[in-house]
Amino acid sequence: MNPVTSLKLSAIAFTVLWTGWMLWWGGSFERANVILLTICGIVAGYVWYRAMRWQFQRSGMLPRNERPADPAAKR
């Protein structure tokens, strides 16, 4: 399994667990609360993914994103 794929799967697991925990902790299962916490969970999962990817690239556990040179610039 690709390290980036496992990082994405762990971000999804983090999102689901965080959202479930916030719903359980809040105790209110009204529609607006569920929608708001789901959106917040998605944002939290995305931020967690970006932070962990940055940290893993910095520590050498993931390859750095080397952008290919622009072919038009070589002309």
PDB file of N, CA and C in Angstrom:
ATOM      1  N   MET A   1       0.846  -1.172   0.000  1.00  0.00           N
ATOM      2  CA  MET A   1       0.000   0.000   0.000  1.00  0.00           C
ATOM      3  C   MET A   1       0.891   1.235   0.000  1.00  0.00           C
ATOM      4  N   ASN A   2       0.527   2.174  -0.810  1.00  0.00           N
ATOM      5  CA  ASN A   2       1.242   3.431  -0.917  1.00  0.00           C
ATOM      6  C   ASN A   2       1.133   4.206   0.403  1.00  0.00           C
ATOM      7  N   PRO A   3       2.215   4.829   0.891  1.00  0.00           N
ATOM      8  CA  PRO A   3       2.135   5.582   2.146  1.00  0.00           C
ATOM      9  C   PRO A   3       1.112   6.722   2.106  1.00  0.00           C
ATOM     10  N   VAL A   4       0.962   7.328   0.939  1.00  0.00           N
ATOM     11  CA  VAL A   4      -0.016   8.415   0.832  1.00  0.00           C
ATOM     12  C   VAL A   4      -1.433   7.856   0.950  1.00  0.00           C
ATOM     13  N   THR A   5      -1.670   6.671   0.402  1.00  0.00           N
ATOM     14  CA  THR A   5      -2.989   6.045   0.504  1.00  0.00           C
ATOM     15  C   THR A   5      -3.337   5.722   1.956  1.00  0.00           C
ATOM     16  N   SER A   6      -2.374   5.191   2.692  1.00  0.00           N
ATOM     17  CA  SER A   6      -2.644   4.902   4.101  1.00  0.00           C
ATOM     18  C   SER A   6      -2.866   6.179   4.898  1.00  0.00           C
ATOM     19  N   LEU A   7      -2.196   7.258   4.508  1.00  0.00           N
ATOM     20  CA  LEU A   7      -2.420   8.545   5.174  1.00  0.00           C
ATOM     21  C   LEU A   7      -3.829   9.062   4.880  1.00  0.00           C
ATOM     22  N   LYS A   8      -4.284   8.884   3.653  1.00  0.00           N
ATOM     23  CA  LYS A   8      -5.644   9.305   3.294  1.00  0.00           C
ATOM     24  C   LYS A   8      -6.691   8.489   4.048  1.00  0.00           C
ATOM     25  N   LEU A   9      -6.460   7.178   4.148  1.00  0.00           N
ATOM     26  CA  LEU A   9      -7.402   6.330   4.887  1.00  0.00           C
ATOM     27  C   LEU A   9      -7.427   6.693   6.369  1.00  0.00           C
ATOM     28  N   SER A  10      -6.277   7.019   6.918  1.00  0.00           N
ATOM     29  CA  SER A  10      -6.254   7.422   8.330  1.00  0.00           C
ATOM     30  C   SER A  10      -6.920   8.782   8.527  1.00  0.00           C
ATOM     31  N   ALA A  11      -6.845   9.654   7.538  1.00  0.00           N
ATOM     32  CA  ALA A  11      -7.540  10.939   7.633  1.00  0.00           C
ATOM     33  C   ALA A  11      -9.052  10.734   7.592  1.00  0.00           C
ATOM     34  N   ILE A  12      -9.506   9.785   6.779  1.00  0.00           N
ATOM     35  CA  ILE A  12     -10.934   9.477   6.739  1.00  0.00           C
ATOM     36  C   ILE A  12     -11.387   8.897   8.077  1.00  0.00           C
ATOM     37  N   ALA A  13     -10.581   7.994   8.636  1.00  0.00           N
ATOM     38  CA  ALA A  13     -10.913   7.425   9.948  1.00  0.00           C
ATOM     39  C   ALA A  13     -10.941   8.509  11.012  1.00  0.00           C
ATOM     40  N   PHE A  14      -9.980   9.435  10.969  1.00  0.00           N
ATOM     41  CA  PHE A  14      -9.959  10.548  11.916  1.00  0.00           C
ATOM     42  C   PHE A  14     -11.222  11.387  11.786  1.00  0.00           C
ATOM     43  N   THR A  15     -11.633  11.659  10.544  1.00  0.00           N
ATOM     44  CA  THR A  15     -12.835  12.467  10.307  1.00  0.00           C
ATOM     45  C   THR A  15     -14.074  11.797  10.886  1.00  0.00           C
ATOM     46  N   VAL A  16     -14.224  10.505  10.631  1.00  0.00           N
ATOM     47  CA  VAL A  16     -15.399   9.774  11.120  1.00  0.00           C
ATOM     48  C   VAL A  16     -15.401   9.722  12.648  1.00  0.00           C
ATOM     49  N   LEU A  17     -14.252   9.403  13.230  1.00  0.00           N
ATOM     50  CA  LEU A  17     -14.181   9.313  14.693  1.00  0.00           C
ATOM     51  C   LEU A  17     -14.388  10.671  15.353  1.00  0.00           C
ATOM     52  N   TRP A  18     -13.798  11.722  14.790  1.00  0.00           N
ATOM     53  CA  TRP A  18     -13.944  13.064  15.358  1.00  0.00           C
ATOM     54  C   TRP A  18     -15.402  13.511  15.289  1.00  0.00           C
ATOM     55  N   THR A  19     -16.036  13.292  14.134  1.00  0.00           N
ATOM     56  CA  THR A  19     -17.432  13.700  13.975  1.00  0.00           C
ATOM     57  C   THR A  19     -18.338  12.905  14.917  1.00  0.00           C
ATOM     58  N   GLY A  20     -18.113  11.598  14.996  1.00  0.00           N
ATOM     59  CA  GLY A  20     -18.909  10.776  15.916  1.00  0.00           C
ATOM     60  C   GLY A  20     -18.735  11.195  17.366  1.00  0.00           C
ATOM     61  N   TRP A  21     -17.505  11.485  17.749  1.00  0.00           N
ATOM     62  CA  TRP A  21     -17.246  11.912  19.126  1.00  0.00           C
ATOM     63  C   TRP A  21     -17.927  13.244  19.426  1.00  0.00           C
ATOM     64  N   MET A  22     -17.865  14.189  18.494  1.00  0.00           N
ATOM     65  CA  MET A  22     -18.494  15.490  18.716  1.00  0.00           C
ATOM     66  C   MET A  22     -20.020  15.362  18.777  1.00  0.00           C
ATOM     67  N   LEU A  23     -20.596  14.483  17.966  1.00  0.00           N
ATOM     68  CA  LEU A  23     -22.045  14.269  18.037  1.00  0.00           C
ATOM     69  C   LEU A  23     -22.428  13.640  19.372  1.00  0.00           C
ATOM     70  N   TRP A  24     -21.657  12.655  19.805  1.00  0.00           N
ATOM     71  CA  TRP A  24     -21.949  11.998  21.081  1.00  0.00           C
ATOM     72  C   TRP A  24     -21.759  12.953  22.246  1.00  0.00           C
ATOM     73  N   TRP A  25     -20.699  13.746  22.198  1.00  0.00           N
ATOM     74  CA  TRP A  25     -20.392  14.665  23.290  1.00  0.00           C
ATOM     75  C   TRP A  25     -21.431  15.783  23.364  1.00  0.00           C
ATOM     76  N   GLY A  26     -21.890  16.259  22.196  1.00  0.00           N
ATOM     77  CA  GLY A  26     -22.880  17.332  22.179  1.00  0.00           C
ATOM     78  C   GLY A  26     -24.254  16.864  22.646  1.00  0.00           C
ATOM     79  N   GLY A  27     -24.587  15.632  22.336  1.00  0.00           N
ATOM     80  CA  GLY A  27     -25.845  15.063  22.798  1.00  0.00           C
ATOM     81  C   GLY A  27     -27.073  15.483  22.015  1.00  0.00           C
ATOM     82  N   SER A  28     -26.934  16.416  21.092  1.00  0.00           N
ATOM     83  CA  SER A  28     -28.070  16.889  20.319  1.00  0.00           C
ATOM     84  C   SER A  28     -27.964  16.323  18.904  1.00  0.00           C
ATOM     85  N   PHE A  29     -29.007  15.599  18.487  1.00  0.00           N
ATOM     86  CA  PHE A  29     -28.988  14.990  17.176  1.00  0.00           C
ATOM     87  C   PHE A  29     -29.968  15.674  16.230  1.00  0.00           C
ATOM     88  N   GLU A  30     -30.115  16.982  16.389  1.00  0.00           N
ATOM     89  CA  GLU A  30     -30.957  17.745  15.475  1.00  0.00           C
ATOM     90  C   GLU A  30     -30.249  17.863  14.132  1.00  0.00           C
ATOM     91  N   ARG A  31     -31.027  18.059  13.089  1.00  0.00           N
ATOM     92  CA  ARG A  31     -30.484  18.081  11.736  1.00  0.00           C
ATOM     93  C   ARG A  31     -29.407  19.147  11.554  1.00  0.00           C
ATOM     94  N   ALA A  32     -29.645  20.343  12.033  1.00  0.00           N
ATOM     95  CA  ALA A  32     -28.664  21.428  11.872  1.00  0.00           C
ATOM     96  C   ALA A  32     -27.363  21.105  12.593  1.00  0.00           C
ATOM     97  N   ASN A  33     -27.462  20.523  13.772  1.00  0.00           N
ATOM     98  CA  ASN A  33     -26.270  20.165  14.527  1.00  0.00           C
ATOM     99  C   ASN A  33     -25.469  19.082  13.816  1.00  0.00           C
ATOM    100  N   VAL A  34     -26.144  18.089  13.276  1.00  0.00           N
ATOM    101  CA  VAL A  34     -25.466  17.005  12.567  1.00  0.00           C
ATOM    102  C   VAL A  34     -24.775  17.544  11.315  1.00  0.00           C
ATOM    103  N   ILE A  35     -25.448  18.397  10.566  1.00  0.00           N
ATOM    104  CA  ILE A  35     -24.863  18.978   9.351  1.00  0.00           C
ATOM    105  C   ILE A  35     -23.655  19.834   9.698  1.00  0.00           C
ATOM    106  N   LEU A  36     -23.788  20.689  10.708  1.00  0.00           N
ATOM    107  CA  LEU A  36     -22.690  21.566  11.106  1.00  0.00           C
ATOM    108  C   LEU A  36     -21.487  20.766  11.588  1.00  0.00           C
ATOM    109  N   LEU A  37     -21.707  19.762  12.406  1.00  0.00           N
ATOM    110  CA  LEU A  37     -20.593  18.957  12.906  1.00  0.00           C
ATOM    111  C   LEU A  37     -19.978  18.090  11.814  1.00  0.00           C
ATOM    112  N   THR A  38     -20.769  17.671  10.839  1.00  0.00           N
ATOM    113  CA  THR A  38     -20.216  16.926   9.712  1.00  0.00           C
ATOM    114  C   THR A  38     -19.294  17.810   8.886  1.00  0.00           C
ATOM    115  N   ILE A  39     -19.711  19.031   8.624  1.00  0.00           N
ATOM    116  CA  ILE A  39     -18.864  19.975   7.885  1.00  0.00           C
ATOM    117  C   ILE A  39     -17.595  20.273   8.670  1.00  0.00           C
ATOM    118  N   CYS A  40     -17.729  20.500   9.972  1.00  0.00           N
ATOM    119  CA  CYS A  40     -16.549  20.740  10.809  1.00  0.00           C
ATOM    120  C   CYS A  40     -15.635  19.516  10.838  1.00  0.00           C
ATOM    121  N   GLY A  41     -16.204  18.322  10.845  1.00  0.00           N
ATOM    122  CA  GLY A  41     -15.409  17.102  10.827  1.00  0.00           C
ATOM    123  C   GLY A  41     -14.626  16.950   9.538  1.00  0.00           C
ATOM    124  N   ILE A  42     -15.252  17.302   8.420  1.00  0.00           N
ATOM    125  CA  ILE A  42     -14.558  17.238   7.127  1.00  0.00           C
ATOM    126  C   ILE A  42     -13.398  18.219   7.103  1.00  0.00           C
ATOM    127  N   VAL A  43     -13.622  19.419   7.595  1.00  0.00           N
ATOM    128  CA  VAL A  43     -12.547  20.419   7.651  1.00  0.00           C
ATOM    129  C   VAL A  43     -11.434  19.949   8.590  1.00  0.00           C
ATOM    130  N   ALA A  44     -11.792  19.410   9.734  1.00  0.00           N
ATOM    131  CA  ALA A  44     -10.788  18.913  10.682  1.00  0.00           C
ATOM    132  C   ALA A  44      -9.987  17.765  10.080  1.00  0.00           C
ATOM    133  N   GLY A  45     -10.642  16.865   9.359  1.00  0.00           N
ATOM    134  CA  GLY A  45      -9.953  15.756   8.713  1.00  0.00           C
ATOM    135  C   GLY A  45      -9.001  16.226   7.630  1.00  0.00           C
ATOM    136  N   TYR A  46      -9.414  17.226   6.859  1.00  0.00           N
ATOM    137  CA  TYR A  46      -8.555  17.760   5.812  1.00  0.00           C
ATOM    138  C   TYR A  46      -7.341  18.467   6.410  1.00  0.00           C
ATOM    139  N   VAL A  47      -7.558  19.257   7.448  1.00  0.00           N
ATOM    140  CA  VAL A  47      -6.437  19.940   8.110  1.00  0.00           C
ATOM    141  C   VAL A  47      -5.492  18.922   8.732  1.00  0.00           C
ATOM    142  N   TRP A  48      -6.033  17.875   9.335  1.00  0.00           N
ATOM    143  CA  TRP A  48      -5.194  16.824   9.915  1.00  0.00           C
ATOM    144  C   TRP A  48      -4.357  16.143   8.822  1.00  0.00           C
ATOM    145  N   TYR A  49      -4.991  15.850   7.683  1.00  0.00           N
ATOM    146  CA  TYR A  49      -4.278  15.227   6.565  1.00  0.00           C
ATOM    147  C   TYR A  49      -3.129  16.107   6.089  1.00  0.00           C
ATOM    148  N   ARG A  50      -3.392  17.394   5.873  1.00  0.00           N
ATOM    149  CA  ARG A  50      -2.346  18.302   5.384  1.00  0.00           C
ATOM    150  C   ARG A  50      -1.214  18.446   6.405  1.00  0.00           C
ATOM    151  N   ALA A  51      -1.561  18.527   7.685  1.00  0.00           N
ATOM    152  CA  ALA A  51      -0.536  18.664   8.724  1.00  0.00           C
ATOM    153  C   ALA A  51       0.320  17.399   8.825  1.00  0.00           C
ATOM    154  N   MET A  52      -0.305  16.234   8.779  1.00  0.00           N
ATOM    155  CA  MET A  52       0.451  14.988   8.861  1.00  0.00           C
ATOM    156  C   MET A  52       1.294  14.767   7.607  1.00  0.00           C
ATOM    157  N   ARG A  53       0.770  15.116   6.451  1.00  0.00           N
ATOM    158  CA  ARG A  53       1.560  14.978   5.216  1.00  0.00           C
ATOM    159  C   ARG A  53       2.783  15.881   5.267  1.00  0.00           C
ATOM    160  N   TRP A  54       2.600  17.114   5.719  1.00  0.00           N
ATOM    161  CA  TRP A  54       3.729  18.039   5.844  1.00  0.00           C
ATOM    162  C   TRP A  54       4.761  17.500   6.827  1.00  0.00           C
ATOM    163  N   GLN A  55       4.281  17.006   7.961  1.00  0.00           N
ATOM    164  CA  GLN A  55       5.197  16.486   8.974  1.00  0.00           C
ATOM    165  C   GLN A  55       5.938  15.243   8.481  1.00  0.00           C
ATOM    166  N   PHE A  56       5.244  14.340   7.807  1.00  0.00           N
ATOM    167  CA  PHE A  56       5.878  13.125   7.307  1.00  0.00           C
ATOM    168  C   PHE A  56       6.868  13.430   6.183  1.00  0.00           C
ATOM    169  N   GLN A  57       6.555  14.411   5.335  1.00  0.00           N
ATOM    170  CA  GLN A  57       7.506  14.808   4.301  1.00  0.00           C
ATOM    171  C   GLN A  57       8.732  15.450   4.933  1.00  0.00           C
ATOM    172  N   ARG A  58       8.516  16.240   5.948  1.00  0.00           N
ATOM    173  CA  ARG A  58       9.623  16.915   6.635  1.00  0.00           C
ATOM    174  C   ARG A  58      10.544  15.923   7.327  1.00  0.00           C
ATOM    175  N   SER A  59       9.987  14.852   7.882  1.00  0.00           N
ATOM    176  CA  SER A  59      10.790  13.857   8.587  1.00  0.00           C
ATOM    177  C   SER A  59      11.350  12.785   7.653  1.00  0.00           C
ATOM    178  N   GLY A  60      10.981  12.817   6.371  1.00  0.00           N
ATOM    179  CA  GLY A  60      11.521  11.877   5.399  1.00  0.00           C
ATOM    180  C   GLY A  60      10.726  10.597   5.265  1.00  0.00           C
ATOM    181  N   MET A  61       9.575  10.500   5.910  1.00  0.00           N
ATOM    182  CA  MET A  61       8.765   9.287   5.816  1.00  0.00           C
ATOM    183  C   MET A  61       7.931   9.251   4.530  1.00  0.00           C
ATOM    184  N   LEU A  62       7.729  10.394   3.909  1.00  0.00           N
ATOM    185  CA  LEU A  62       7.053  10.489   2.616  1.00  0.00           C
ATOM    186  C   LEU A  62       7.966  11.247   1.661  1.00  0.00           C
ATOM    187  N   PRO A  63       7.925  10.906   0.372  1.00  0.00           N
ATOM    188  CA  PRO A  63       8.753  11.661  -0.577  1.00  0.00           C
ATOM    189  C   PRO A  63       8.214  13.076  -0.729  1.00  0.00           C
ATOM    190  N   ARG A  64       9.133  13.984  -0.949  1.00  0.00           N
ATOM    191  CA  ARG A  64       8.727  15.378  -1.170  1.00  0.00           C
ATOM    192  C   ARG A  64       8.110  15.505  -2.562  1.00  0.00           C
ATOM    193  N   ASN A  65       7.194  16.442  -2.680  1.00  0.00           N
ATOM    194  CA  ASN A  65       6.562  16.677  -3.980  1.00  0.00           C
ATOM    195  C   ASN A  65       7.495  17.529  -4.826  1.00  0.00           C
ATOM    196  N   GLU A  66       8.177  16.876  -5.732  1.00  0.00           N
ATOM    197  CA  GLU A  66       9.037  17.581  -6.669  1.00  0.00           C
ATOM    198  C   GLU A  66       8.201  17.887  -7.900  1.00  0.00           C
ATOM    199  N   ARG A  67       7.946  19.148  -8.132  1.00  0.00           N
ATOM    200  CA  ARG A  67       7.168  19.515  -9.316  1.00  0.00           C
ATOM    201  C   ARG A  67       8.047  19.431 -10.546  1.00  0.00           C
ATOM    202  N   PRO A  68       7.552  18.801 -11.599  1.00  0.00           N
ATOM    203  CA  PRO A  68       8.363  18.721 -12.815  1.00  0.00           C
ATOM    204  C   PRO A  68       8.549  20.093 -13.430  1.00  0.00           C
ATOM    205  N   ALA A  69       9.675  20.259 -14.070  1.00  0.00           N
ATOM    206  CA  ALA A  69       9.966  21.546 -14.708  1.00  0.00           C
ATOM    207  C   ALA A  69       8.961  21.780 -15.842  1.00  0.00           C
ATOM    208  N   ASP A  70       8.683  23.032 -16.074  1.00  0.00           N
ATOM    209  CA  ASP A  70       7.752  23.416 -17.125  1.00  0.00           C
ATOM    210  C   ASP A  70       8.408  23.183 -18.488  1.00  0.00           C
ATOM    211  N   PRO A  71       7.821  22.339 -19.352  1.00  0.00           N
ATOM    212  CA  PRO A  71       8.451  22.075 -20.653  1.00  0.00           C
ATOM    213  C   PRO A  71       8.547  23.314 -21.520  1.00  0.00           C
ATOM    214  N   ALA A  72       7.652  24.266 -21.351  1.00  0.00           N
ATOM    215  CA  ALA A  72       7.693  25.483 -22.155  1.00  0.00           C
ATOM    216  C   ALA A  72       8.864  26.367 -21.749  1.00  0.00           C
ATOM    217  N   ALA A  73       9.329  26.242 -20.503  1.00  0.00           N
ATOM    218  CA  ALA A  73      10.427  27.082 -20.036  1.00  0.00           C
ATOM    219  C   ALA A  73      11.760  26.652 -20.628  1.00  0.00           C
ATOM    220  N   LYS A  74      11.879  25.427 -21.139  1.00  0.00           N
ATOM    221  CA  LYS A  74      13.136  24.936 -21.713  1.00  0.00           C
ATOM    222  C   LYS A  74      13.380  25.458 -23.130  1.00  0.00           C
ATOM    223  N   ARG A  75      12.377  25.978 -23.738  1.00  0.00           N
ATOM    224  CA  ARG A  75      12.507  26.435 -25.134  1.00  0.00           C
ATOM    225  C   ARG A  75      13.238  27.732 -25.227  1.00  0.00           C
TER     226      ARG A  75
END
